[in-house]
Amino acid sequence: MASRIPRIHHMNHLPDVLRVLDDALQLQGRSASFNANTPLLGALPELDSMAVLAVISSLEAHFGIAFRDDQLSGTSFATVGSLCELVADNLDGSVA
């Protein structure tokens, strides 16, 4: 049975993901205090359904990637770290 090996390298994208979040959600620099464990969906009032679309679009434009619908779920937006992992999966082609 194959198991997923936890990846650390996705955190290399943390500064860029934070910048995109700050811009897309108009956080005015508040993302500077975020880390990989910072909860997003359900914890950040600015992250409503319309803002999720703005974040998706901004991440795609910033990183030059395109997310498939089946990749996007509430789990992807649970924390800053899960969002970084989503980006990393697309950048390194490990998306199944």
N, C-alpha and C. Protein backbone atom coordinates (compact mmCIF):
# COMPACT_ATOMS: atom_id res chain seq x y z
N MET A 1 0.84 -1.17 0.00
CA MET A 1 0.00 0.00 0.00
C MET A 1 0.89 1.24 0.00
N ALA A 2 0.70 2.09 -0.98
CA ALA A 2 1.52 3.30 -1.09
C ALA A 2 0.96 4.37 -0.16
N SER A 3 1.85 5.08 0.48
CA SER A 3 1.42 6.19 1.33
C SER A 3 2.11 7.46 0.84
N ARG A 4 1.45 8.54 1.07
CA ARG A 4 2.00 9.82 0.64
C ARG A 4 3.10 10.25 1.59
N ILE A 5 4.22 10.59 1.03
CA ILE A 5 5.35 11.06 1.84
C ILE A 5 5.15 12.54 2.10
N PRO A 6 5.17 12.96 3.37
CA PRO A 6 5.02 14.38 3.65
C PRO A 6 6.11 15.19 2.96
N ARG A 7 5.71 16.31 2.41
CA ARG A 7 6.68 17.14 1.71
C ARG A 7 6.90 18.44 2.46
N ILE A 8 8.14 18.83 2.52
CA ILE A 8 8.50 20.07 3.20
C ILE A 8 8.71 21.18 2.17
N HIS A 9 9.14 20.85 0.98
CA HIS A 9 9.52 21.88 0.02
C HIS A 9 8.39 22.82 -0.37
N HIS A 10 7.14 22.42 -0.11
CA HIS A 10 6.04 23.30 -0.48
C HIS A 10 6.10 24.64 0.29
N MET A 11 6.80 24.64 1.40
CA MET A 11 6.90 25.87 2.18
C MET A 11 7.83 26.89 1.52
N ASN A 12 8.57 26.46 0.49
CA ASN A 12 9.38 27.41 -0.27
C ASN A 12 8.51 28.49 -0.91
N HIS A 13 7.24 28.19 -1.10
CA HIS A 13 6.32 29.11 -1.76
C HIS A 13 5.59 30.01 -0.77
N LEU A 14 5.86 29.84 0.51
CA LEU A 14 5.15 30.58 1.54
C LEU A 14 5.16 32.10 1.33
N PRO A 15 6.31 32.72 1.10
CA PRO A 15 6.30 34.19 0.94
C PRO A 15 5.43 34.65 -0.23
N ASP A 16 5.47 33.93 -1.36
CA ASP A 16 4.67 34.32 -2.50
C ASP A 16 3.19 34.08 -2.25
N VAL A 17 2.85 32.97 -1.63
CA VAL A 17 1.45 32.68 -1.32
C VAL A 17 0.91 33.73 -0.36
N LEU A 18 1.69 34.12 0.62
CA LEU A 18 1.26 35.16 1.56
C LEU A 18 1.04 36.50 0.85
N ARG A 19 1.92 36.82 -0.07
CA ARG A 19 1.78 38.07 -0.83
C ARG A 19 0.48 38.06 -1.65
N VAL A 20 0.22 36.92 -2.30
CA VAL A 20 -1.01 36.80 -3.10
C VAL A 20 -2.23 36.90 -2.20
N LEU A 21 -2.21 36.22 -1.06
CA LEU A 21 -3.33 36.31 -0.12
C LEU A 21 -3.55 37.75 0.34
N ASP A 22 -2.46 38.41 0.69
CA ASP A 22 -2.56 39.78 1.18
C ASP A 22 -3.18 40.69 0.12
N ASP A 23 -2.73 40.55 -1.11
CA ASP A 23 -3.27 41.39 -2.19
C ASP A 23 -4.71 41.03 -2.53
N ALA A 24 -4.98 39.74 -2.73
CA ALA A 24 -6.32 39.31 -3.16
C ALA A 24 -7.39 39.60 -2.11
N LEU A 25 -7.00 39.49 -0.84
CA LEU A 25 -7.96 39.69 0.25
C LEU A 25 -7.88 41.09 0.86
N GLN A 26 -7.00 41.91 0.32
CA GLN A 26 -6.80 43.27 0.82
C GLN A 26 -6.58 43.28 2.34
N LEU A 27 -5.61 42.48 2.76
CA LEU A 27 -5.32 42.34 4.19
C LEU A 27 -4.42 43.44 4.73
N GLN A 28 -3.92 44.29 3.87
CA GLN A 28 -3.10 45.44 4.27
C GLN A 28 -1.92 45.05 5.15
N GLY A 29 -1.23 43.97 4.74
CA GLY A 29 -0.03 43.56 5.45
C GLY A 29 -0.25 42.57 6.58
N ARG A 30 -1.49 42.25 6.89
CA ARG A 30 -1.76 41.33 8.02
C ARG A 30 -1.19 39.94 7.78
N SER A 31 -1.00 39.57 6.50
CA SER A 31 -0.49 38.22 6.23
C SER A 31 0.96 38.05 6.71
N ALA A 32 1.63 39.14 7.01
CA ALA A 32 3.01 39.06 7.50
C ALA A 32 3.10 38.27 8.81
N SER A 33 2.00 38.19 9.53
CA SER A 33 2.00 37.45 10.80
C SER A 33 1.53 36.01 10.62
N PHE A 34 1.20 35.61 9.39
CA PHE A 34 0.72 34.26 9.12
C PHE A 34 1.89 33.29 9.02
N ASN A 35 1.62 32.03 9.35
CA ASN A 35 2.59 30.95 9.12
C ASN A 35 1.84 29.79 8.50
N ALA A 36 2.51 28.68 8.29
CA ALA A 36 1.90 27.53 7.61
C ALA A 36 0.68 26.99 8.34
N ASN A 37 0.63 27.17 9.64
CA ASN A 37 -0.49 26.64 10.44
C ASN A 37 -1.64 27.62 10.59
N THR A 38 -1.52 28.80 10.02
CA THR A 38 -2.59 29.79 10.14
C THR A 38 -3.84 29.29 9.43
N PRO A 39 -4.95 29.17 10.16
CA PRO A 39 -6.19 28.73 9.52
C PRO A 39 -6.74 29.82 8.60
N LEU A 40 -7.34 29.39 7.50
CA LEU A 40 -7.89 30.33 6.53
C LEU A 40 -9.42 30.21 6.45
N LEU A 41 -9.89 29.21 5.72
CA LEU A 41 -11.32 29.07 5.48
C LEU A 41 -12.07 28.86 6.79
N GLY A 42 -13.01 29.73 7.05
CA GLY A 42 -13.78 29.66 8.28
C GLY A 42 -13.18 30.45 9.42
N ALA A 43 -11.92 30.86 9.27
CA ALA A 43 -11.25 31.61 10.33
C ALA A 43 -10.92 33.04 9.91
N LEU A 44 -10.82 33.26 8.62
CA LEU A 44 -10.46 34.57 8.09
C LEU A 44 -11.71 35.19 7.46
N PRO A 45 -12.30 36.20 8.11
CA PRO A 45 -13.56 36.75 7.62
C PRO A 45 -13.52 37.23 6.16
N GLU A 46 -12.37 37.67 5.72
CA GLU A 46 -12.24 38.17 4.35
C GLU A 46 -12.34 37.05 3.31
N LEU A 47 -12.16 35.81 3.72
CA LEU A 47 -12.13 34.70 2.78
C LEU A 47 -13.53 34.09 2.63
N ASP A 48 -14.39 34.83 1.91
CA ASP A 48 -15.72 34.32 1.59
C ASP A 48 -15.66 33.65 0.22
N SER A 49 -16.80 33.21 -0.29
CA SER A 49 -16.81 32.46 -1.55
C SER A 49 -16.27 33.27 -2.72
N MET A 50 -16.58 34.54 -2.78
CA MET A 50 -16.06 35.39 -3.86
C MET A 50 -14.55 35.60 -3.71
N ALA A 51 -14.10 35.73 -2.49
CA ALA A 51 -12.67 35.92 -2.25
C ALA A 51 -11.88 34.66 -2.59
N VAL A 52 -12.48 33.49 -2.38
CA VAL A 52 -11.81 32.25 -2.75
C VAL A 52 -11.52 32.26 -4.25
N LEU A 53 -12.50 32.70 -5.04
CA LEU A 53 -12.29 32.80 -6.49
C LEU A 53 -11.18 33.78 -6.82
N ALA A 54 -11.12 34.89 -6.12
CA ALA A 54 -10.07 35.88 -6.35
C ALA A 54 -8.69 35.30 -6.00
N VAL A 55 -8.62 34.55 -4.92
CA VAL A 55 -7.34 33.93 -4.51
C VAL A 55 -6.91 32.89 -5.55
N ILE A 56 -7.84 32.07 -5.99
CA ILE A 56 -7.53 31.07 -7.01
C ILE A 56 -6.98 31.74 -8.26
N SER A 57 -7.69 32.73 -8.74
CA SER A 57 -7.27 33.44 -9.94
C SER A 57 -5.91 34.12 -9.76
N SER A 58 -5.71 34.72 -8.61
CA SER A 58 -4.44 35.41 -8.33
C SER A 58 -3.28 34.43 -8.23
N LEU A 59 -3.50 33.28 -7.59
CA LEU A 59 -2.45 32.26 -7.50
C LEU A 59 -2.10 31.73 -8.89
N GLU A 60 -3.12 31.48 -9.70
CA GLU A 60 -2.86 30.98 -11.05
C GLU A 60 -2.05 31.99 -11.86
N ALA A 61 -2.42 33.25 -11.76
CA ALA A 61 -1.70 34.29 -12.51
C ALA A 61 -0.27 34.46 -11.98
N HIS A 62 -0.11 34.49 -10.68
CA HIS A 62 1.21 34.71 -10.08
C HIS A 62 2.18 33.59 -10.40
N PHE A 63 1.71 32.34 -10.29
CA PHE A 63 2.60 31.19 -10.47
C PHE A 63 2.57 30.61 -11.89
N GLY A 64 1.67 31.11 -12.74
CA GLY A 64 1.59 30.59 -14.10
C GLY A 64 1.08 29.15 -14.14
N ILE A 65 0.10 28.85 -13.31
CA ILE A 65 -0.46 27.51 -13.23
C ILE A 65 -1.97 27.59 -13.44
N ALA A 66 -2.59 26.44 -13.60
CA ALA A 66 -4.05 26.36 -13.70
C ALA A 66 -4.52 25.19 -12.85
N PHE A 67 -5.36 25.48 -11.89
CA PHE A 67 -5.92 24.44 -11.03
C PHE A 67 -7.08 23.76 -11.74
N ARG A 68 -7.18 22.44 -11.56
CA ARG A 68 -8.36 21.71 -12.04
C ARG A 68 -9.43 21.80 -10.96
N ASP A 69 -10.67 21.74 -11.37
CA ASP A 69 -11.78 21.82 -10.42
C ASP A 69 -11.67 20.76 -9.32
N ASP A 70 -11.22 19.55 -9.70
CA ASP A 70 -11.17 18.48 -8.71
C ASP A 70 -10.04 18.65 -7.69
N GLN A 71 -9.18 19.62 -7.90
CA GLN A 71 -8.11 19.90 -6.93
C GLN A 71 -8.57 20.86 -5.84
N LEU A 72 -9.62 21.58 -6.11
CA LEU A 72 -10.03 22.67 -5.23
C LEU A 72 -11.15 22.21 -4.31
N SER A 73 -10.87 22.31 -3.02
CA SER A 73 -11.86 21.94 -2.01
C SER A 73 -11.59 22.78 -0.77
N GLY A 74 -12.46 22.65 0.18
CA GLY A 74 -12.26 23.36 1.44
C GLY A 74 -10.95 22.97 2.11
N THR A 75 -10.54 21.73 1.91
CA THR A 75 -9.28 21.25 2.49
C THR A 75 -8.09 22.04 1.95
N SER A 76 -8.15 22.40 0.67
CA SER A 76 -7.06 23.17 0.05
C SER A 76 -6.89 24.53 0.71
N PHE A 77 -7.99 25.07 1.23
CA PHE A 77 -7.98 26.39 1.83
C PHE A 77 -8.06 26.35 3.35
N ALA A 78 -7.78 25.19 3.93
CA ALA A 78 -7.86 25.05 5.38
C ALA A 78 -6.82 25.89 6.10
N THR A 79 -5.58 25.85 5.62
CA THR A 79 -4.50 26.61 6.25
C THR A 79 -3.61 27.21 5.16
N VAL A 80 -2.74 28.09 5.56
CA VAL A 80 -1.76 28.63 4.63
C VAL A 80 -0.90 27.50 4.07
N GLY A 81 -0.52 26.56 4.91
CA GLY A 81 0.30 25.44 4.48
C GLY A 81 -0.39 24.57 3.44
N SER A 82 -1.68 24.31 3.60
CA SER A 82 -2.39 23.49 2.62
C SER A 82 -2.50 24.22 1.28
N LEU A 83 -2.60 25.53 1.33
CA LEU A 83 -2.63 26.32 0.09
C LEU A 83 -1.26 26.29 -0.58
N CYS A 84 -0.20 26.38 0.21
CA CYS A 84 1.16 26.26 -0.34
C CYS A 84 1.37 24.90 -0.99
N GLU A 85 0.84 23.87 -0.37
CA GLU A 85 1.00 22.52 -0.93
C GLU A 85 0.24 22.39 -2.25
N LEU A 86 -0.93 22.98 -2.34
CA LEU A 86 -1.68 22.97 -3.59
C LEU A 86 -0.88 23.62 -4.71
N VAL A 87 -0.27 24.75 -4.41
CA VAL A 87 0.56 25.44 -5.40
C VAL A 87 1.75 24.57 -5.78
N ALA A 88 2.44 24.03 -4.78
CA ALA A 88 3.63 23.21 -5.06
C ALA A 88 3.28 21.99 -5.89
N ASP A 89 2.15 21.36 -5.61
CA ASP A 89 1.73 20.19 -6.39
C ASP A 89 1.58 20.53 -7.85
N ASN A 90 1.07 21.71 -8.14
CA ASN A 90 0.87 22.13 -9.52
C ASN A 90 2.19 22.53 -10.18
N LEU A 91 3.05 23.15 -9.43
CA LEU A 91 4.33 23.60 -9.99
C LEU A 91 5.25 22.43 -10.30
N ASP A 92 5.22 21.40 -9.47
CA ASP A 92 6.15 20.28 -9.70
C ASP A 92 5.51 19.13 -10.47
N GLY A 93 4.27 19.31 -10.88
CA GLY A 93 3.62 18.31 -11.71
C GLY A 93 3.22 17.05 -10.99
N SER A 94 3.14 17.08 -9.66
CA SER A 94 2.79 15.87 -8.92
C SER A 94 1.28 15.72 -8.73
N VAL A 95 0.52 16.51 -9.46
CA VAL A 95 -0.93 16.42 -9.37
C VAL A 95 -1.37 15.17 -10.12
N ALA A 96 -2.15 14.36 -9.44
CA ALA A 96 -2.61 13.11 -10.08
C ALA A 96 -3.76 13.35 -11.00
